[in-house]
Amino acid sequence: MAKIIDVLPELQGEEMAYVQNLIKDLDDERARSFAVVYRARRRDPQLILITALLGFVGFAGIHRFLIDQIGMGILYLLTVGICWVGTIIDLVNYQKLALEYNMKVAHGAISSIG
C-alpha cells in the first residue's frame, strides 16, 4: 500500500485525498508508475491562476485551453473573457477548475497503468 506523501508530496487538500483513495490498493512500484504519469499530466492550480490573470491583458481563455476546455477557451478569446466577468469568476474558482481537471487526469492515469 503506497502512501501519497511518498510518491506525490506536492499534492494538497482534496486532490491529495482523491489520489490517495485511488492508489490505496496499489503496490509501491505501480504507485510510482502512476505518480510519473500523473505528475506529467496534471495542472498546478497556480498555473491556472496565472494564465487566468492573462485574461486581463488580452489573452483571455488560455487557462481553459490548458484544462482541455477548447470550446470555452475559444469563446473567452473571442469575447474577452465574456467581458471579463467569466475571467473574474474563473479567478475565484481557479482551484476548483484545476481540481476537476486533475481528477480526470488521475482517473486516466490509474486506468493506463492497469
PDB file of N, CA and C in Angstrom:
ATOM      1  N   MET A   1       0.838  -1.182   0.000  1.00  0.00           N
ATOM      2  CA  MET A   1       0.000   0.000   0.000  1.00  0.00           C
ATOM      3  C   MET A   1       0.880   1.240   0.000  1.00  0.00           C
ATOM      4  N   ALA A   2       0.739   2.036  -1.014  1.00  0.00           N
ATOM      5  CA  ALA A   2       1.563   3.228  -1.167  1.00  0.00           C
ATOM      6  C   ALA A   2       0.941   4.414  -0.434  1.00  0.00           C
ATOM      7  N   LYS A   3       1.804   5.224   0.144  1.00  0.00           N
ATOM      8  CA  LYS A   3       1.343   6.453   0.774  1.00  0.00           C
ATOM      9  C   LYS A   3       1.553   7.595  -0.208  1.00  0.00           C
ATOM     10  N   ILE A   4       0.553   8.437  -0.316  1.00  0.00           N
ATOM     11  CA  ILE A   4       0.574   9.528  -1.286  1.00  0.00           C
ATOM     12  C   ILE A   4       1.719  10.498  -1.012  1.00  0.00           C
ATOM     13  N   ILE A   5       2.034  10.725   0.237  1.00  0.00           N
ATOM     14  CA  ILE A   5       3.088  11.679   0.588  1.00  0.00           C
ATOM     15  C   ILE A   5       4.451  11.208   0.092  1.00  0.00           C
ATOM     16  N   ASP A   6       4.612   9.896  -0.071  1.00  0.00           N
ATOM     17  CA  ASP A   6       5.878   9.357  -0.558  1.00  0.00           C
ATOM     18  C   ASP A   6       6.037   9.515  -2.064  1.00  0.00           C
ATOM     19  N   VAL A   7       4.945   9.348  -2.805  1.00  0.00           N
ATOM     20  CA  VAL A   7       5.055   9.356  -4.264  1.00  0.00           C
ATOM     21  C   VAL A   7       4.701  10.698  -4.890  1.00  0.00           C
ATOM     22  N   LEU A   8       3.830  11.481  -4.252  1.00  0.00           N
ATOM     23  CA  LEU A   8       3.429  12.788  -4.784  1.00  0.00           C
ATOM     24  C   LEU A   8       3.351  13.810  -3.644  1.00  0.00           C
ATOM     25  N   PRO A   9       4.489  14.234  -3.112  1.00  0.00           N
ATOM     26  CA  PRO A   9       4.463  15.136  -1.960  1.00  0.00           C
ATOM     27  C   PRO A   9       3.930  16.535  -2.267  1.00  0.00           C
ATOM     28  N   GLU A  10       3.829  16.911  -3.553  1.00  0.00           N
ATOM     29  CA  GLU A  10       3.386  18.260  -3.900  1.00  0.00           C
ATOM     30  C   GLU A  10       1.869  18.444  -3.844  1.00  0.00           C
ATOM     31  N   LEU A  11       1.118  17.364  -3.677  1.00  0.00           N
ATOM     32  CA  LEU A  11      -0.341  17.459  -3.652  1.00  0.00           C
ATOM     33  C   LEU A  11      -0.824  17.991  -2.312  1.00  0.00           C
ATOM     34  N   GLN A  12      -1.996  18.653  -2.359  1.00  0.00           N
ATOM     35  CA  GLN A  12      -2.575  19.210  -1.142  1.00  0.00           C
ATOM     36  C   GLN A  12      -4.080  19.019  -1.136  1.00  0.00           C
ATOM     37  N   GLY A  13      -4.664  19.034   0.025  1.00  0.00           N
ATOM     38  CA  GLY A  13      -6.103  19.092   0.201  1.00  0.00           C
ATOM     39  C   GLY A  13      -6.899  17.990  -0.469  1.00  0.00           C
ATOM     40  N   GLU A  14      -7.962  18.416  -1.170  1.00  0.00           N
ATOM     41  CA  GLU A  14      -8.875  17.469  -1.813  1.00  0.00           C
ATOM     42  C   GLU A  14      -8.180  16.613  -2.859  1.00  0.00           C
ATOM     43  N   GLU A  15      -7.248  17.217  -3.580  1.00  0.00           N
ATOM     44  CA  GLU A  15      -6.530  16.460  -4.610  1.00  0.00           C
ATOM     45  C   GLU A  15      -5.744  15.318  -3.974  1.00  0.00           C
ATOM     46  N   MET A  16      -5.092  15.596  -2.846  1.00  0.00           N
ATOM     47  CA  MET A  16      -4.331  14.562  -2.153  1.00  0.00           C
ATOM     48  C   MET A  16      -5.252  13.434  -1.685  1.00  0.00           C
ATOM     49  N   ALA A  17      -6.388  13.795  -1.116  1.00  0.00           N
ATOM     50  CA  ALA A  17      -7.324  12.784  -0.627  1.00  0.00           C
ATOM     51  C   ALA A  17      -7.865  11.934  -1.777  1.00  0.00           C
ATOM     52  N   TYR A  18      -8.179  12.569  -2.893  1.00  0.00           N
ATOM     53  CA  TYR A  18      -8.718  11.839  -4.042  1.00  0.00           C
ATOM     54  C   TYR A  18      -7.687  10.860  -4.598  1.00  0.00           C
ATOM     55  N   VAL A  19      -6.468  11.341  -4.784  1.00  0.00           N
ATOM     56  CA  VAL A  19      -5.415  10.490  -5.345  1.00  0.00           C
ATOM     57  C   VAL A  19      -5.051   9.375  -4.366  1.00  0.00           C
ATOM     58  N   GLN A  20      -5.006   9.673  -3.074  1.00  0.00           N
ATOM     59  CA  GLN A  20      -4.713   8.635  -2.075  1.00  0.00           C
ATOM     60  C   GLN A  20      -5.753   7.525  -2.142  1.00  0.00           C
ATOM     61  N   ASN A  21      -7.008   7.908  -2.308  1.00  0.00           N
ATOM     62  CA  ASN A  21      -8.070   6.910  -2.419  1.00  0.00           C
ATOM     63  C   ASN A  21      -7.889   6.052  -3.671  1.00  0.00           C
ATOM     64  N   LEU A  22      -7.408   6.654  -4.757  1.00  0.00           N
ATOM     65  CA  LEU A  22      -7.190   5.904  -5.993  1.00  0.00           C
ATOM     66  C   LEU A  22      -6.044   4.900  -5.883  1.00  0.00           C
ATOM     67  N   ILE A  23      -4.968   5.292  -5.200  1.00  0.00           N
ATOM     68  CA  ILE A  23      -3.772   4.442  -5.189  1.00  0.00           C
ATOM     69  C   ILE A  23      -3.645   3.581  -3.937  1.00  0.00           C
ATOM     70  N   LYS A  24      -4.643   3.599  -3.066  1.00  0.00           N
ATOM     71  CA  LYS A  24      -4.516   2.886  -1.787  1.00  0.00           C
ATOM     72  C   LYS A  24      -4.268   1.392  -1.943  1.00  0.00           C
ATOM     73  N   ASP A  25      -4.753   0.799  -3.019  1.00  0.00           N
ATOM     74  CA  ASP A  25      -4.586  -0.644  -3.203  1.00  0.00           C
ATOM     75  C   ASP A  25      -3.417  -1.015  -4.106  1.00  0.00           C
ATOM     76  N   LEU A  26      -2.671  -0.025  -4.591  1.00  0.00           N
ATOM     77  CA  LEU A  26      -1.547  -0.305  -5.488  1.00  0.00           C
ATOM     78  C   LEU A  26      -0.295  -0.651  -4.696  1.00  0.00           C
ATOM     79  N   ASP A  27       0.530  -1.522  -5.262  1.00  0.00           N
ATOM     80  CA  ASP A  27       1.831  -1.765  -4.644  1.00  0.00           C
ATOM     81  C   ASP A  27       2.736  -0.563  -4.946  1.00  0.00           C
ATOM     82  N   ASP A  28       3.902  -0.532  -4.315  1.00  0.00           N
ATOM     83  CA  ASP A  28       4.784   0.629  -4.439  1.00  0.00           C
ATOM     84  C   ASP A  28       5.234   0.888  -5.870  1.00  0.00           C
ATOM     85  N   GLU A  29       5.531  -0.159  -6.615  1.00  0.00           N
ATOM     86  CA  GLU A  29       6.005   0.010  -7.996  1.00  0.00           C
ATOM     87  C   GLU A  29       4.924   0.625  -8.882  1.00  0.00           C
ATOM     88  N   ARG A  30       3.713   0.116  -8.774  1.00  0.00           N
ATOM     89  CA  ARG A  30       2.613   0.661  -9.583  1.00  0.00           C
ATOM     90  C   ARG A  30       2.251   2.070  -9.133  1.00  0.00           C
ATOM     91  N   ALA A  31       2.375   2.355  -7.848  1.00  0.00           N
ATOM     92  CA  ALA A  31       2.110   3.709  -7.350  1.00  0.00           C
ATOM     93  C   ALA A  31       3.127   4.694  -7.911  1.00  0.00           C
ATOM     94  N   ARG A  32       4.381   4.273  -8.006  1.00  0.00           N
ATOM     95  CA  ARG A  32       5.403   5.143  -8.592  1.00  0.00           C
ATOM     96  C   ARG A  32       5.150   5.348 -10.084  1.00  0.00           C
ATOM     97  N   SER A  33       4.706   4.309 -10.777  1.00  0.00           N
ATOM     98  CA  SER A  33       4.352   4.440 -12.197  1.00  0.00           C
ATOM     99  C   SER A  33       3.190   5.415 -12.366  1.00  0.00           C
ATOM    100  N   PHE A  34       2.207   5.292 -11.488  1.00  0.00           N
ATOM    101  CA  PHE A  34       1.083   6.227 -11.510  1.00  0.00           C
ATOM    102  C   PHE A  34       1.579   7.650 -11.292  1.00  0.00           C
ATOM    103  N   ALA A  35       2.470   7.828 -10.321  1.00  0.00           N
ATOM    104  CA  ALA A  35       2.974   9.164  -9.997  1.00  0.00           C
ATOM    105  C   ALA A  35       3.685   9.801 -11.185  1.00  0.00           C
ATOM    106  N   VAL A  36       4.457   9.020 -11.918  1.00  0.00           N
ATOM    107  CA  VAL A  36       5.167   9.548 -13.091  1.00  0.00           C
ATOM    108  C   VAL A  36       4.168  10.035 -14.137  1.00  0.00           C
ATOM    109  N   VAL A  37       3.166   9.209 -14.420  1.00  0.00           N
ATOM    110  CA  VAL A  37       2.157   9.573 -15.425  1.00  0.00           C
ATOM    111  C   VAL A  37       1.341  10.769 -14.944  1.00  0.00           C
ATOM    112  N   TYR A  38       0.896  10.729 -13.705  1.00  0.00           N
ATOM    113  CA  TYR A  38       0.045  11.793 -13.160  1.00  0.00           C
ATOM    114  C   TYR A  38       0.785  13.124 -13.092  1.00  0.00           C
ATOM    115  N   ARG A  39       2.010  13.087 -12.617  1.00  0.00           N
ATOM    116  CA  ARG A  39       2.797  14.318 -12.486  1.00  0.00           C
ATOM    117  C   ARG A  39       3.009  14.986 -13.844  1.00  0.00           C
ATOM    118  N   ALA A  40       3.182  14.187 -14.893  1.00  0.00           N
ATOM    119  CA  ALA A  40       3.408  14.743 -16.230  1.00  0.00           C
ATOM    120  C   ALA A  40       2.147  15.389 -16.799  1.00  0.00           C
ATOM    121  N   ARG A  41       0.981  14.909 -16.384  1.00  0.00           N
ATOM    122  CA  ARG A  41      -0.272  15.384 -16.988  1.00  0.00           C
ATOM    123  C   ARG A  41      -1.046  16.401 -16.154  1.00  0.00           C
ATOM    124  N   ARG A  42      -0.825  16.456 -14.864  1.00  0.00           N
ATOM    125  CA  ARG A  42      -1.645  17.317 -14.014  1.00  0.00           C
ATOM    126  C   ARG A  42      -1.317  18.792 -14.223  1.00  0.00           C
ATOM    127  N   ARG A  43      -2.223  19.641 -13.822  1.00  0.00           N
ATOM    128  CA  ARG A  43      -2.024  21.083 -13.900  1.00  0.00           C
ATOM    129  C   ARG A  43      -1.978  21.648 -12.484  1.00  0.00           C
ATOM    130  N   ASP A  44      -0.957  22.444 -12.234  1.00  0.00           N
ATOM    131  CA  ASP A  44      -0.816  23.100 -10.943  1.00  0.00           C
ATOM    132  C   ASP A  44      -1.857  24.220 -10.841  1.00  0.00           C
ATOM    133  N   PRO A  45      -2.579  24.318  -9.737  1.00  0.00           N
ATOM    134  CA  PRO A  45      -3.555  25.403  -9.595  1.00  0.00           C
ATOM    135  C   PRO A  45      -2.940  26.791  -9.789  1.00  0.00           C
ATOM    136  N   GLN A  46      -1.687  26.959  -9.407  1.00  0.00           N
ATOM    137  CA  GLN A  46      -1.039  28.261  -9.598  1.00  0.00           C
ATOM    138  C   GLN A  46      -0.890  28.599 -11.079  1.00  0.00           C
ATOM    139  N   LEU A  47      -0.649  27.593 -11.916  1.00  0.00           N
ATOM    140  CA  LEU A  47      -0.569  27.812 -13.358  1.00  0.00           C
ATOM    141  C   LEU A  47      -1.921  28.259 -13.901  1.00  0.00           C
ATOM    142  N   ILE A  48      -2.995  27.660 -13.414  1.00  0.00           N
ATOM    143  CA  ILE A  48      -4.341  28.057 -13.833  1.00  0.00           C
ATOM    144  C   ILE A  48      -4.604  29.500 -13.409  1.00  0.00           C
ATOM    145  N   LEU A  49      -4.209  29.862 -12.207  1.00  0.00           N
ATOM    146  CA  LEU A  49      -4.390  31.233 -11.723  1.00  0.00           C
ATOM    147  C   LEU A  49      -3.620  32.229 -12.586  1.00  0.00           C
ATOM    148  N   ILE A  50      -2.368  31.942 -12.852  1.00  0.00           N
ATOM    149  CA  ILE A  50      -1.536  32.864 -13.640  1.00  0.00           C
ATOM    150  C   ILE A  50      -2.079  33.021 -15.051  1.00  0.00           C
ATOM    151  N   THR A  51      -2.470  31.923 -15.678  1.00  0.00           N
ATOM    152  CA  THR A  51      -2.987  32.029 -17.042  1.00  0.00           C
ATOM    153  C   THR A  51      -4.368  32.687 -17.066  1.00  0.00           C
ATOM    154  N   ALA A  52      -5.155  32.537 -16.009  1.00  0.00           N
ATOM    155  CA  ALA A  52      -6.434  33.254 -15.937  1.00  0.00           C
ATOM    156  C   ALA A  52      -6.190  34.753 -15.814  1.00  0.00           C
ATOM    157  N   LEU A  53      -5.154  35.135 -15.083  1.00  0.00           N
ATOM    158  CA  LEU A  53      -4.806  36.556 -14.966  1.00  0.00           C
ATOM    159  C   LEU A  53      -4.409  37.161 -16.305  1.00  0.00           C
ATOM    160  N   LEU A  54      -3.910  36.336 -17.216  1.00  0.00           N
ATOM    161  CA  LEU A  54      -3.575  36.832 -18.552  1.00  0.00           C
ATOM    162  C   LEU A  54      -4.807  37.347 -19.284  1.00  0.00           C
ATOM    163  N   GLY A  55      -5.983  36.949 -18.834  1.00  0.00           N
ATOM    164  CA  GLY A  55      -7.225  37.429 -19.434  1.00  0.00           C
ATOM    165  C   GLY A  55      -7.399  38.925 -19.323  1.00  0.00           C
ATOM    166  N   PHE A  56      -6.753  39.543 -18.361  1.00  0.00           N
ATOM    167  CA  PHE A  56      -6.874  40.991 -18.191  1.00  0.00           C
ATOM    168  C   PHE A  56      -5.940  41.774 -19.103  1.00  0.00           C
ATOM    169  N   VAL A  57      -5.004  41.089 -19.746  1.00  0.00           N
ATOM    170  CA  VAL A  57      -4.094  41.786 -20.664  1.00  0.00           C
ATOM    171  C   VAL A  57      -4.296  41.328 -22.108  1.00  0.00           C
ATOM    172  N   GLY A  58      -5.446  40.723 -22.387  1.00  0.00           N
ATOM    173  CA  GLY A  58      -5.783  40.407 -23.763  1.00  0.00           C
ATOM    174  C   GLY A  58      -5.672  38.959 -24.174  1.00  0.00           C
ATOM    175  N   PHE A  59      -5.302  38.067 -23.272  1.00  0.00           N
ATOM    176  CA  PHE A  59      -5.167  36.650 -23.611  1.00  0.00           C
ATOM    177  C   PHE A  59      -6.172  35.811 -22.822  1.00  0.00           C
ATOM    178  N   ALA A  60      -7.416  36.225 -22.855  1.00  0.00           N
ATOM    179  CA  ALA A  60      -8.460  35.530 -22.094  1.00  0.00           C
ATOM    180  C   ALA A  60      -8.658  34.116 -22.623  1.00  0.00           C
ATOM    181  N   GLY A  61      -8.861  33.190 -21.712  1.00  0.00           N
ATOM    182  CA  GLY A  61      -9.189  31.821 -22.084  1.00  0.00           C
ATOM    183  C   GLY A  61      -8.025  30.860 -22.166  1.00  0.00           C
ATOM    184  N   ILE A  62      -6.802  31.328 -22.004  1.00  0.00           N
ATOM    185  CA  ILE A  62      -5.641  30.438 -22.093  1.00  0.00           C
ATOM    186  C   ILE A  62      -5.756  29.321 -21.054  1.00  0.00           C
ATOM    187  N   HIS A  63      -6.219  29.660 -19.864  1.00  0.00           N
ATOM    188  CA  HIS A  63      -6.362  28.639 -18.819  1.00  0.00           C
ATOM    189  C   HIS A  63      -7.371  27.565 -19.210  1.00  0.00           C
ATOM    190  N   ARG A  64      -8.385  27.924 -19.980  1.00  0.00           N
ATOM    191  CA  ARG A  64      -9.372  26.935 -20.425  1.00  0.00           C
ATOM    192  C   ARG A  64      -8.757  25.958 -21.426  1.00  0.00           C
ATOM    193  N   PHE A  65      -7.850  26.447 -22.267  1.00  0.00           N
ATOM    194  CA  PHE A  65      -7.152  25.545 -23.182  1.00  0.00           C
ATOM    195  C   PHE A  65      -6.293  24.552 -22.392  1.00  0.00           C
ATOM    196  N   LEU A  66      -5.663  25.017 -21.316  1.00  0.00           N
ATOM    197  CA  LEU A  66      -4.796  24.151 -20.514  1.00  0.00           C
ATOM    198  C   LEU A  66      -5.561  23.014 -19.837  1.00  0.00           C
ATOM    199  N   ILE A  67      -6.828  23.240 -19.543  1.00  0.00           N
ATOM    200  CA  ILE A  67      -7.615  22.193 -18.886  1.00  0.00           C
ATOM    201  C   ILE A  67      -8.543  21.498 -19.882  1.00  0.00           C
ATOM    202  N   ASP A  68      -8.154  21.543 -21.148  1.00  0.00           N
ATOM    203  CA  ASP A  68      -8.836  20.829 -22.233  1.00  0.00           C
ATOM    204  C   ASP A  68     -10.285  21.251 -22.449  1.00  0.00           C
ATOM    205  N   GLN A  69     -10.592  22.504 -22.167  1.00  0.00           N
ATOM    206  CA  GLN A  69     -11.913  23.047 -22.477  1.00  0.00           C
ATOM    207  C   GLN A  69     -11.750  23.989 -23.671  1.00  0.00           C
ATOM    208  N   ILE A  70     -11.532  23.392 -24.833  1.00  0.00           N
ATOM    209  CA  ILE A  70     -11.192  24.137 -26.041  1.00  0.00           C
ATOM    210  C   ILE A  70     -12.319  25.093 -26.444  1.00  0.00           C
ATOM    211  N   GLY A  71     -13.549  24.628 -26.415  1.00  0.00           N
ATOM    212  CA  GLY A  71     -14.687  25.474 -26.789  1.00  0.00           C
ATOM    213  C   GLY A  71     -14.788  26.709 -25.913  1.00  0.00           C
ATOM    214  N   MET A  72     -14.665  26.522 -24.604  1.00  0.00           N
ATOM    215  CA  MET A  72     -14.710  27.667 -23.686  1.00  0.00           C
ATOM    216  C   MET A  72     -13.514  28.584 -23.898  1.00  0.00           C
ATOM    217  N   GLY A  73     -12.364  28.013 -24.202  1.00  0.00           N
ATOM    218  CA  GLY A  73     -11.184  28.827 -24.471  1.00  0.00           C
ATOM    219  C   GLY A  73     -11.388  29.730 -25.671  1.00  0.00           C
ATOM    220  N   ILE A  74     -11.960  29.182 -26.739  1.00  0.00           N
ATOM    221  CA  ILE A  74     -12.233  29.983 -27.934  1.00  0.00           C
ATOM    222  C   ILE A  74     -13.270  31.054 -27.620  1.00  0.00           C
ATOM    223  N   LEU A  75     -14.321  30.679 -26.890  1.00  0.00           N
ATOM    224  CA  LEU A  75     -15.350  31.646 -26.507  1.00  0.00           C
ATOM    225  C   LEU A  75     -14.748  32.791 -25.696  1.00  0.00           C
ATOM    226  N   TYR A  76     -13.910  32.472 -24.719  1.00  0.00           N
ATOM    227  CA  TYR A  76     -13.271  33.506 -23.906  1.00  0.00           C
ATOM    228  C   TYR A  76     -12.366  34.386 -24.755  1.00  0.00           C
ATOM    229  N   LEU A  77     -11.624  33.784 -25.672  1.00  0.00           N
ATOM    230  CA  LEU A  77     -10.742  34.566 -26.532  1.00  0.00           C
ATOM    231  C   LEU A  77     -11.524  35.549 -27.395  1.00  0.00           C
ATOM    232  N   LEU A  78     -12.630  35.104 -27.958  1.00  0.00           N
ATOM    233  CA  LEU A  78     -13.408  35.945 -28.863  1.00  0.00           C
ATOM    234  C   LEU A  78     -14.247  36.998 -28.144  1.00  0.00           C
ATOM    235  N   THR A  79     -14.577  36.764 -26.883  1.00  0.00           N
ATOM    236  CA  THR A  79     -15.436  37.697 -26.148  1.00  0.00           C
ATOM    237  C   THR A  79     -14.699  38.410 -25.018  1.00  0.00           C
ATOM    238  N   VAL A  80     -13.385  38.387 -25.049  1.00  0.00           N
ATOM    239  CA  VAL A  80     -12.551  38.984 -23.993  1.00  0.00           C
ATOM    240  C   VAL A  80     -12.995  38.470 -22.625  1.00  0.00           C
ATOM    241  N   GLY A  81     -12.996  37.165 -22.515  1.00  0.00           N
ATOM    242  CA  GLY A  81     -13.358  36.538 -21.237  1.00  0.00           C
ATOM    243  C   GLY A  81     -14.802  36.798 -20.869  1.00  0.00           C
ATOM    244  N   ILE A  82     -15.670  36.830 -21.894  1.00  0.00           N
ATOM    245  CA  ILE A  82     -17.078  37.196 -21.735  1.00  0.00           C
ATOM    246  C   ILE A  82     -17.152  38.500 -20.932  1.00  0.00           C
ATOM    247  N   CYS A  83     -16.506  39.496 -21.543  1.00  0.00           N
ATOM    248  CA  CYS A  83     -16.429  40.860 -20.982  1.00  0.00           C
ATOM    249  C   CYS A  83     -15.848  40.855 -19.569  1.00  0.00           C
ATOM    250  N   TRP A  84     -14.879  40.050 -19.336  1.00  0.00           N
ATOM    251  CA  TRP A  84     -14.127  39.913 -18.095  1.00  0.00           C
ATOM    252  C   TRP A  84     -14.901  39.281 -16.951  1.00  0.00           C
ATOM    253  N   VAL A  85     -16.209  39.136 -17.074  1.00  0.00           N
ATOM    254  CA  VAL A  85     -16.989  38.526 -15.995  1.00  0.00           C
ATOM    255  C   VAL A  85     -16.587  37.063 -15.823  1.00  0.00           C
ATOM    256  N   GLY A  86     -16.505  36.332 -16.932  1.00  0.00           N
ATOM    257  CA  GLY A  86     -16.093  34.931 -16.866  1.00  0.00           C
ATOM    258  C   GLY A  86     -14.685  34.774 -16.328  1.00  0.00           C
ATOM    259  N   THR A  87     -13.813  35.699 -16.710  1.00  0.00           N
ATOM    260  CA  THR A  87     -12.436  35.656 -16.220  1.00  0.00           C
ATOM    261  C   THR A  87     -12.389  35.873 -14.713  1.00  0.00           C
ATOM    262  N   ILE A  88     -13.175  36.819 -14.221  1.00  0.00           N
ATOM    263  CA  ILE A  88     -13.210  37.086 -12.775  1.00  0.00           C
ATOM    264  C   ILE A  88     -13.754  35.870 -12.024  1.00  0.00           C
ATOM    265  N   ILE A  89     -14.802  35.261 -12.560  1.00  0.00           N
ATOM    266  CA  ILE A  89     -15.361  34.058 -11.924  1.00  0.00           C
ATOM    267  C   ILE A  89     -14.318  32.942 -11.904  1.00  0.00           C
ATOM    268  N   ASP A  90     -13.593  32.783 -13.004  1.00  0.00           N
ATOM    269  CA  ASP A  90     -12.553  31.750 -13.054  1.00  0.00           C
ATOM    270  C   ASP A  90     -11.405  32.048 -12.098  1.00  0.00           C
ATOM    271  N   LEU A  91     -11.112  33.327 -11.860  1.00  0.00           N
ATOM    272  CA  LEU A  91     -10.073  33.672 -10.888  1.00  0.00           C
ATOM    273  C   LEU A  91     -10.488  33.245  -9.483  1.00  0.00           C
ATOM    274  N   VAL A  92     -11.761  33.388  -9.182  1.00  0.00           N
ATOM    275  CA  VAL A  92     -12.262  32.972  -7.875  1.00  0.00           C
ATOM    276  C   VAL A  92     -12.257  31.442  -7.760  1.00  0.00           C
ATOM    277  N   ASN A  93     -12.577  30.773  -8.865  1.00  0.00           N
ATOM    278  CA  ASN A  93     -12.729  29.310  -8.858  1.00  0.00           C
ATOM    279  C   ASN A  93     -11.545  28.559  -9.455  1.00  0.00           C
ATOM    280  N   TYR A  94     -10.378  29.160  -9.528  1.00  0.00           N
ATOM    281  CA  TYR A  94      -9.241  28.516 -10.196  1.00  0.00           C
ATOM    282  C   TYR A  94      -8.866  27.178  -9.557  1.00  0.00           C
ATOM    283  N   GLN A  95      -8.968  27.064  -8.244  1.00  0.00           N
ATOM    284  CA  GLN A  95      -8.615  25.801  -7.589  1.00  0.00           C
ATOM    285  C   GLN A  95      -9.605  24.698  -7.950  1.00  0.00           C
ATOM    286  N   LYS A  96     -10.867  25.040  -8.057  1.00  0.00           N
ATOM    287  CA  LYS A  96     -11.883  24.059  -8.450  1.00  0.00           C
ATOM    288  C   LYS A  96     -11.658  23.605  -9.884  1.00  0.00           C
ATOM    289  N   LEU A  97     -11.335  24.539 -10.778  1.00  0.00           N
ATOM    290  CA  LEU A  97     -11.060  24.183 -12.173  1.00  0.00           C
ATOM    291  C   LEU A  97      -9.884  23.212 -12.254  1.00  0.00           C
ATOM    292  N   ALA A  98      -8.820  23.524 -11.517  1.00  0.00           N
ATOM    293  CA  ALA A  98      -7.634  22.658 -11.525  1.00  0.00           C
ATOM    294  C   ALA A  98      -7.954  21.298 -10.912  1.00  0.00           C
ATOM    295  N   LEU A  99      -8.705  21.283  -9.818  1.00  0.00           N
ATOM    296  CA  LEU A  99      -9.048  20.020  -9.156  1.00  0.00           C
ATOM    297  C   LEU A  99      -9.873  19.124 -10.074  1.00  0.00           C
ATOM    298  N   GLU A 100     -10.872  19.685 -10.729  1.00  0.00           N
ATOM    299  CA  GLU A 100     -11.711  18.878 -11.623  1.00  0.00           C
ATOM    300  C   GLU A 100     -10.887  18.285 -12.760  1.00  0.00           C
ATOM    301  N   TYR A 101     -10.002  19.098 -13.334  1.00  0.00           N
ATOM    302  CA  TYR A 101      -9.147  18.595 -14.410  1.00  0.00           C
ATOM    303  C   TYR A 101      -8.216  17.506 -13.883  1.00  0.00           C
ATOM    304  N   ASN A 102      -7.597  17.753 -12.738  1.00  0.00           N
ATOM    305  CA  ASN A 102      -6.648  16.792 -12.177  1.00  0.00           C
ATOM    306  C   ASN A 102      -7.323  15.487 -11.754  1.00  0.00           C
ATOM    307  N   MET A 103      -8.581  15.553 -11.347  1.00  0.00           N
ATOM    308  CA  MET A 103      -9.303  14.325 -11.017  1.00  0.00           C
ATOM    309  C   MET A 103      -9.505  13.469 -12.267  1.00  0.00           C
ATOM    310  N   LYS A 104      -9.823  14.116 -13.390  1.00  0.00           N
ATOM    311  CA  LYS A 104      -9.955  13.370 -14.652  1.00  0.00           C
ATOM    312  C   LYS A 104      -8.618  12.768 -15.058  1.00  0.00           C
ATOM    313  N   VAL A 105      -7.550  13.540 -14.893  1.00  0.00           N
ATOM    314  CA  VAL A 105      -6.214  13.057 -15.241  1.00  0.00           C
ATOM    315  C   VAL A 105      -5.832  11.877 -14.355  1.00  0.00           C
ATOM    316  N   ALA A 106      -6.126  11.962 -13.066  1.00  0.00           N
ATOM    317  CA  ALA A 106      -5.800  10.868 -12.142  1.00  0.00           C
ATOM    318  C   ALA A 106      -6.545   9.598 -12.526  1.00  0.00           C
ATOM    319  N   HIS A 107      -7.799   9.745 -12.871  1.00  0.00           N
ATOM    320  CA  HIS A 107      -8.579   8.571 -13.277  1.00  0.00           C
ATOM    321  C   HIS A 107      -8.002   7.957 -14.552  1.00  0.00           C
ATOM    322  N   GLY A 108      -7.616   8.807 -15.502  1.00  0.00           N
ATOM    323  CA  GLY A 108      -6.996   8.311 -16.732  1.00  0.00           C
ATOM    324  C   GLY A 108      -5.652   7.652 -16.472  1.00  0.00           C
ATOM    325  N   ALA A 109      -4.878   8.221 -15.558  1.00  0.00           N
ATOM    326  CA  ALA A 109      -3.558   7.667 -15.247  1.00  0.00           C
ATOM    327  C   ALA A 109      -3.680   6.309 -14.569  1.00  0.00           C
ATOM    328  N   ILE A 110      -4.637   6.172 -13.671  1.00  0.00           N
ATOM    329  CA  ILE A 110      -4.807   4.889 -12.983  1.00  0.00           C
ATOM    330  C   ILE A 110      -5.284   3.827 -13.969  1.00  0.00           C
ATOM    331  N   SER A 111      -6.081   4.234 -14.946  1.00  0.00           N
ATOM    332  CA  SER A 111      -6.539   3.289 -15.972  1.00  0.00           C
ATOM    333  C   SER A 111      -5.397   2.860 -16.885  1.00  0.00           C
ATOM    334  N   SER A 112      -4.492   3.783 -17.164  1.00  0.00           N
ATOM    335  CA  SER A 112      -3.407   3.472 -18.102  1.00  0.00           C
ATOM    336  C   SER A 112      -2.350   2.531 -17.517  1.00  0.00           C
ATOM    337  N   ILE A 113      -2.199   2.530 -16.195  1.00  0.00           N
ATOM    338  CA  ILE A 113      -1.195   1.631 -15.614  1.00  0.00           C
ATOM    339  C   ILE A 113      -1.775   0.256 -15.298  1.00  0.00           C
ATOM    340  N   GLY A 114      -3.077   0.129 -15.437  1.00  0.00           N
ATOM    341  CA  GLY A 114      -3.704  -1.193 -15.256  1.00  0.00           C
ATOM    342  C   GLY A 114      -4.202  -1.349 -13.906  1.00  0.00           C
TER     343      GLY A 114
END
